[in-house]
Amino acid sequence: MSFALRPNRIKQRDVWDIICLTHQAVDIKFDLLFQKLEERQVRPETFIQTFSERVSTLTGGQRDFLFEIRRFLPSNVVHNGPGHLEYWSIVRAELEDISHRLMRYVHEKA
């Protein structure tokens, strides 16, 4: 939720958290996500639009991402994963996939 709802910016740590959970095969609980949105009085369409817009702004964000995660990850972890150019393409693809799955979920529930 924080990736889309954090005011005015993307916190790269949120991107890292999403990717780590994805790589650990943690399934997104869309029912729970949308329940939390309802509790915060956020329309699902607004959340999905903001999420998608933020994903699209990540085009050149690898430098910012690396700068942020180097603050809390050991250098060997950064070097063997996020430091590779291909890694950023994977990050963007996974976030785009989540965005599409969010849209599908909402359309199926409608």
N, C-alpha and C. Protein backbone atom coordinates (compact mmCIF):
# COMPACT_ATOMS: atom_id res chain seq x y z
N MET A 1 0.82 -1.19 0.00
CA MET A 1 0.00 0.00 0.00
C MET A 1 0.86 1.25 0.00
N SER A 2 1.95 1.22 0.74
CA SER A 2 2.76 2.43 0.87
C SER A 2 3.38 2.86 -0.46
N PHE A 3 3.68 1.91 -1.35
CA PHE A 3 4.25 2.26 -2.65
C PHE A 3 3.33 3.24 -3.39
N ALA A 4 2.04 3.00 -3.33
CA ALA A 4 1.09 3.85 -4.04
C ALA A 4 0.58 5.01 -3.20
N LEU A 5 0.50 4.84 -1.90
CA LEU A 5 -0.18 5.85 -1.08
C LEU A 5 0.75 6.81 -0.35
N ARG A 6 2.04 6.58 -0.36
CA ARG A 6 2.96 7.51 0.30
C ARG A 6 2.86 8.86 -0.41
N PRO A 7 2.62 9.92 0.32
CA PRO A 7 2.45 11.23 -0.32
C PRO A 7 3.72 11.70 -1.04
N ASN A 8 3.53 12.14 -2.26
CA ASN A 8 4.52 12.90 -3.04
C ASN A 8 5.76 12.16 -3.53
N ARG A 9 5.95 10.90 -3.19
CA ARG A 9 7.19 10.27 -3.65
C ARG A 9 7.14 8.76 -3.53
N ILE A 10 8.09 8.15 -4.22
CA ILE A 10 8.30 6.71 -4.09
C ILE A 10 9.47 6.52 -3.15
N LYS A 11 9.28 5.69 -2.16
CA LYS A 11 10.38 5.32 -1.28
C LYS A 11 10.94 4.00 -1.83
N GLN A 12 12.19 4.02 -2.22
CA GLN A 12 12.79 2.86 -2.87
C GLN A 12 12.77 1.62 -1.98
N ARG A 13 12.73 1.81 -0.69
CA ARG A 13 12.63 0.68 0.22
C ARG A 13 11.31 -0.07 0.01
N ASP A 14 10.26 0.66 -0.35
CA ASP A 14 8.98 0.01 -0.65
C ASP A 14 9.12 -0.90 -1.87
N VAL A 15 9.85 -0.43 -2.88
CA VAL A 15 10.10 -1.25 -4.07
C VAL A 15 10.85 -2.51 -3.67
N TRP A 16 11.89 -2.35 -2.87
CA TRP A 16 12.68 -3.50 -2.41
C TRP A 16 11.82 -4.50 -1.66
N ASP A 17 10.97 -4.01 -0.77
CA ASP A 17 10.11 -4.90 0.01
C ASP A 17 9.17 -5.70 -0.89
N ILE A 18 8.58 -5.05 -1.88
CA ILE A 18 7.67 -5.74 -2.80
C ILE A 18 8.42 -6.83 -3.56
N ILE A 19 9.60 -6.49 -4.05
CA ILE A 19 10.38 -7.45 -4.84
C ILE A 19 10.84 -8.62 -3.97
N CYS A 20 11.27 -8.33 -2.75
CA CYS A 20 11.69 -9.41 -1.85
C CYS A 20 10.53 -10.37 -1.57
N LEU A 21 9.37 -9.84 -1.30
CA LEU A 21 8.21 -10.69 -1.05
C LEU A 21 7.84 -11.50 -2.28
N THR A 22 7.94 -10.88 -3.45
CA THR A 22 7.65 -11.59 -4.70
C THR A 22 8.63 -12.73 -4.91
N HIS A 23 9.90 -12.47 -4.66
CA HIS A 23 10.93 -13.50 -4.86
C HIS A 23 10.81 -14.63 -3.83
N GLN A 24 10.17 -14.36 -2.71
CA GLN A 24 9.95 -15.39 -1.71
C GLN A 24 8.61 -16.10 -1.94
N ALA A 25 7.99 -15.81 -3.07
CA ALA A 25 6.71 -16.42 -3.46
C ALA A 25 5.58 -16.13 -2.47
N VAL A 26 5.63 -14.97 -1.83
CA VAL A 26 4.55 -14.55 -0.95
C VAL A 26 3.40 -14.06 -1.84
N ASP A 27 2.26 -14.67 -1.68
CA ASP A 27 1.11 -14.34 -2.51
C ASP A 27 0.45 -13.07 -1.99
N ILE A 28 0.07 -12.19 -2.91
CA ILE A 28 -0.62 -10.96 -2.53
C ILE A 28 -2.06 -11.31 -2.16
N LYS A 29 -2.47 -10.89 -1.01
CA LYS A 29 -3.84 -11.12 -0.54
C LYS A 29 -4.69 -9.92 -0.96
N PHE A 30 -5.22 -10.01 -2.18
CA PHE A 30 -5.96 -8.88 -2.71
C PHE A 30 -7.19 -8.55 -1.88
N ASP A 31 -7.85 -9.56 -1.34
CA ASP A 31 -9.01 -9.30 -0.48
C ASP A 31 -8.62 -8.44 0.71
N LEU A 32 -7.51 -8.80 1.34
CA LEU A 32 -7.03 -8.03 2.49
C LEU A 32 -6.60 -6.62 2.08
N LEU A 33 -5.90 -6.52 0.96
CA LEU A 33 -5.47 -5.21 0.47
C LEU A 33 -6.66 -4.29 0.27
N PHE A 34 -7.69 -4.80 -0.40
CA PHE A 34 -8.85 -3.95 -0.67
C PHE A 34 -9.68 -3.69 0.58
N GLN A 35 -9.63 -4.57 1.54
CA GLN A 35 -10.27 -4.31 2.84
C GLN A 35 -9.55 -3.15 3.52
N LYS A 36 -8.22 -3.15 3.48
CA LYS A 36 -7.44 -2.07 4.09
C LYS A 36 -7.69 -0.74 3.37
N LEU A 37 -7.83 -0.80 2.06
CA LEU A 37 -8.14 0.43 1.31
C LEU A 37 -9.49 0.99 1.74
N GLU A 38 -10.46 0.08 1.91
CA GLU A 38 -11.79 0.52 2.35
C GLU A 38 -11.72 1.16 3.73
N GLU A 39 -10.95 0.57 4.64
CA GLU A 39 -10.80 1.13 5.99
C GLU A 39 -10.19 2.53 5.94
N ARG A 40 -9.33 2.77 4.95
CA ARG A 40 -8.68 4.08 4.81
C ARG A 40 -9.44 5.00 3.86
N GLN A 41 -10.61 4.54 3.44
CA GLN A 41 -11.49 5.28 2.54
C GLN A 41 -10.77 5.69 1.24
N VAL A 42 -10.03 4.72 0.69
CA VAL A 42 -9.35 4.91 -0.59
C VAL A 42 -10.06 4.03 -1.61
N ARG A 43 -10.50 4.64 -2.70
CA ARG A 43 -11.18 3.88 -3.75
C ARG A 43 -10.17 2.96 -4.43
N PRO A 44 -10.55 1.73 -4.72
CA PRO A 44 -9.64 0.80 -5.41
C PRO A 44 -9.12 1.36 -6.72
N GLU A 45 -9.98 2.04 -7.47
CA GLU A 45 -9.56 2.62 -8.75
C GLU A 45 -8.47 3.66 -8.55
N THR A 46 -8.58 4.44 -7.50
CA THR A 46 -7.57 5.47 -7.19
C THR A 46 -6.25 4.80 -6.84
N PHE A 47 -6.32 3.77 -6.01
CA PHE A 47 -5.11 3.05 -5.63
C PHE A 47 -4.42 2.45 -6.85
N ILE A 48 -5.19 1.78 -7.70
CA ILE A 48 -4.62 1.13 -8.88
C ILE A 48 -4.02 2.16 -9.82
N GLN A 49 -4.71 3.27 -10.02
CA GLN A 49 -4.19 4.31 -10.90
C GLN A 49 -2.87 4.86 -10.36
N THR A 50 -2.82 5.14 -9.08
CA THR A 50 -1.60 5.68 -8.47
C THR A 50 -0.48 4.65 -8.52
N PHE A 51 -0.80 3.40 -8.22
CA PHE A 51 0.20 2.33 -8.29
C PHE A 51 0.78 2.25 -9.70
N SER A 52 -0.10 2.22 -10.70
CA SER A 52 0.34 2.12 -12.10
C SER A 52 1.17 3.33 -12.52
N GLU A 53 0.76 4.51 -12.11
CA GLU A 53 1.51 5.72 -12.45
C GLU A 53 2.90 5.68 -11.83
N ARG A 54 2.98 5.21 -10.62
CA ARG A 54 4.29 5.14 -9.97
C ARG A 54 5.19 4.10 -10.63
N VAL A 55 4.62 2.99 -11.04
CA VAL A 55 5.41 1.99 -11.77
C VAL A 55 5.97 2.62 -13.04
N SER A 56 5.14 3.38 -13.75
CA SER A 56 5.60 3.97 -15.01
C SER A 56 6.68 5.03 -14.80
N THR A 57 6.74 5.62 -13.62
CA THR A 57 7.78 6.63 -13.36
C THR A 57 9.12 5.99 -12.99
N LEU A 58 9.15 4.69 -12.83
CA LEU A 58 10.38 4.02 -12.44
C LEU A 58 11.36 3.79 -13.60
N THR A 59 11.04 4.28 -14.77
CA THR A 59 11.85 4.01 -15.95
C THR A 59 13.33 4.22 -15.71
N GLY A 60 13.72 5.34 -15.19
CA GLY A 60 15.14 5.62 -14.97
C GLY A 60 15.53 5.60 -13.51
N GLY A 61 14.75 4.93 -12.69
CA GLY A 61 14.96 5.01 -11.26
C GLY A 61 15.98 4.07 -10.66
N GLN A 62 16.71 3.35 -11.49
CA GLN A 62 17.65 2.37 -10.94
C GLN A 62 18.72 3.04 -10.08
N ARG A 63 19.18 4.20 -10.48
CA ARG A 63 20.21 4.89 -9.70
C ARG A 63 19.71 5.23 -8.30
N ASP A 64 18.49 5.76 -8.22
CA ASP A 64 17.89 6.09 -6.92
C ASP A 64 17.69 4.83 -6.09
N PHE A 65 17.24 3.77 -6.75
CA PHE A 65 17.01 2.50 -6.08
C PHE A 65 18.32 1.98 -5.47
N LEU A 66 19.38 1.96 -6.27
CA LEU A 66 20.67 1.47 -5.78
C LEU A 66 21.21 2.33 -4.65
N PHE A 67 21.06 3.64 -4.78
CA PHE A 67 21.53 4.54 -3.73
C PHE A 67 20.85 4.22 -2.41
N GLU A 68 19.54 4.01 -2.47
CA GLU A 68 18.79 3.75 -1.25
C GLU A 68 19.11 2.38 -0.65
N ILE A 69 19.13 1.34 -1.46
CA ILE A 69 19.32 0.01 -0.87
C ILE A 69 20.75 -0.25 -0.42
N ARG A 70 21.69 0.49 -0.98
CA ARG A 70 23.08 0.35 -0.50
C ARG A 70 23.21 0.79 0.96
N ARG A 71 22.25 1.55 1.42
CA ARG A 71 22.27 2.01 2.81
C ARG A 71 21.96 0.89 3.79
N PHE A 72 21.23 -0.14 3.35
CA PHE A 72 20.84 -1.17 4.31
C PHE A 72 21.17 -2.60 3.88
N LEU A 73 21.72 -2.80 2.68
CA LEU A 73 22.09 -4.14 2.26
C LEU A 73 23.61 -4.29 2.20
N PRO A 74 24.12 -5.46 2.54
CA PRO A 74 25.57 -5.69 2.39
C PRO A 74 25.98 -5.55 0.92
N SER A 75 27.19 -5.09 0.69
CA SER A 75 27.65 -4.82 -0.67
C SER A 75 27.63 -6.06 -1.55
N ASN A 76 27.91 -7.24 -0.99
CA ASN A 76 27.88 -8.45 -1.82
C ASN A 76 26.47 -8.77 -2.30
N VAL A 77 25.45 -8.46 -1.51
CA VAL A 77 24.06 -8.67 -1.92
C VAL A 77 23.72 -7.71 -3.06
N VAL A 78 24.11 -6.46 -2.92
CA VAL A 78 23.85 -5.47 -3.97
C VAL A 78 24.57 -5.87 -5.25
N HIS A 79 25.83 -6.27 -5.13
CA HIS A 79 26.63 -6.63 -6.30
C HIS A 79 26.06 -7.84 -7.03
N ASN A 80 25.57 -8.82 -6.31
CA ASN A 80 25.07 -10.06 -6.91
C ASN A 80 23.62 -9.99 -7.39
N GLY A 81 22.94 -8.91 -7.11
CA GLY A 81 21.54 -8.82 -7.53
C GLY A 81 21.20 -7.45 -8.07
N PRO A 82 20.78 -6.54 -7.21
CA PRO A 82 20.30 -5.24 -7.67
C PRO A 82 21.33 -4.42 -8.45
N GLY A 83 22.59 -4.70 -8.29
CA GLY A 83 23.61 -3.95 -9.00
C GLY A 83 23.70 -4.26 -10.48
N HIS A 84 23.06 -5.34 -10.92
CA HIS A 84 23.08 -5.71 -12.33
C HIS A 84 22.01 -4.93 -13.09
N LEU A 85 22.34 -4.51 -14.30
CA LEU A 85 21.41 -3.74 -15.12
C LEU A 85 20.11 -4.52 -15.37
N GLU A 86 20.22 -5.82 -15.61
CA GLU A 86 19.03 -6.63 -15.89
C GLU A 86 18.07 -6.67 -14.69
N TYR A 87 18.63 -6.51 -13.50
CA TYR A 87 17.80 -6.59 -12.29
C TYR A 87 16.70 -5.53 -12.32
N TRP A 88 17.03 -4.35 -12.77
CA TRP A 88 16.05 -3.26 -12.80
C TRP A 88 14.91 -3.59 -13.77
N SER A 89 15.23 -4.24 -14.87
CA SER A 89 14.19 -4.66 -15.81
C SER A 89 13.25 -5.66 -15.16
N ILE A 90 13.82 -6.55 -14.37
CA ILE A 90 13.02 -7.54 -13.64
C ILE A 90 12.12 -6.85 -12.63
N VAL A 91 12.66 -5.89 -11.91
CA VAL A 91 11.88 -5.13 -10.92
C VAL A 91 10.69 -4.48 -11.59
N ARG A 92 10.94 -3.77 -12.68
CA ARG A 92 9.85 -3.08 -13.38
C ARG A 92 8.82 -4.08 -13.89
N ALA A 93 9.28 -5.18 -14.46
CA ALA A 93 8.35 -6.18 -14.99
C ALA A 93 7.48 -6.76 -13.89
N GLU A 94 8.06 -7.03 -12.74
CA GLU A 94 7.28 -7.60 -11.63
C GLU A 94 6.26 -6.59 -11.09
N LEU A 95 6.64 -5.33 -11.00
CA LEU A 95 5.70 -4.31 -10.55
C LEU A 95 4.59 -4.10 -11.57
N GLU A 96 4.93 -4.15 -12.86
CA GLU A 96 3.90 -4.04 -13.90
C GLU A 96 2.94 -5.22 -13.83
N ASP A 97 3.47 -6.40 -13.55
CA ASP A 97 2.63 -7.59 -13.42
C ASP A 97 1.66 -7.42 -12.25
N ILE A 98 2.14 -6.92 -11.14
CA ILE A 98 1.27 -6.69 -9.98
C ILE A 98 0.19 -5.68 -10.34
N SER A 99 0.56 -4.63 -11.05
CA SER A 99 -0.41 -3.63 -11.48
C SER A 99 -1.51 -4.25 -12.33
N HIS A 100 -1.14 -5.11 -13.29
CA HIS A 100 -2.13 -5.79 -14.13
C HIS A 100 -3.01 -6.74 -13.31
N ARG A 101 -2.40 -7.42 -12.37
CA ARG A 101 -3.18 -8.33 -11.51
C ARG A 101 -4.17 -7.56 -10.65
N LEU A 102 -3.78 -6.38 -10.18
CA LEU A 102 -4.70 -5.53 -9.41
C LEU A 102 -5.90 -5.15 -10.27
N MET A 103 -5.63 -4.73 -11.50
CA MET A 103 -6.72 -4.33 -12.40
C MET A 103 -7.65 -5.51 -12.69
N ARG A 104 -7.07 -6.68 -12.94
CA ARG A 104 -7.88 -7.88 -13.21
C ARG A 104 -8.76 -8.21 -12.00
N TYR A 105 -8.16 -8.12 -10.83
CA TYR A 105 -8.89 -8.45 -9.60
C TYR A 105 -10.12 -7.54 -9.45
N VAL A 106 -9.93 -6.25 -9.66
CA VAL A 106 -11.03 -5.31 -9.51
C VAL A 106 -12.11 -5.57 -10.56
N HIS A 107 -11.71 -5.84 -11.78
CA HIS A 107 -12.70 -6.10 -12.84
C HIS A 107 -13.46 -7.40 -12.58
N GLU A 108 -12.80 -8.39 -12.03
CA GLU A 108 -13.48 -9.65 -11.72
C GLU A 108 -14.47 -9.49 -10.57
N LYS A 109 -14.16 -8.58 -9.64
CA LYS A 109 -15.05 -8.36 -8.49
C LYS A 109 -16.23 -7.47 -8.84
N ALA A 110 -16.12 -6.73 -9.94
CA ALA A 110 -17.17 -5.77 -10.31
C ALA A 110 -18.41 -6.47 -10.83
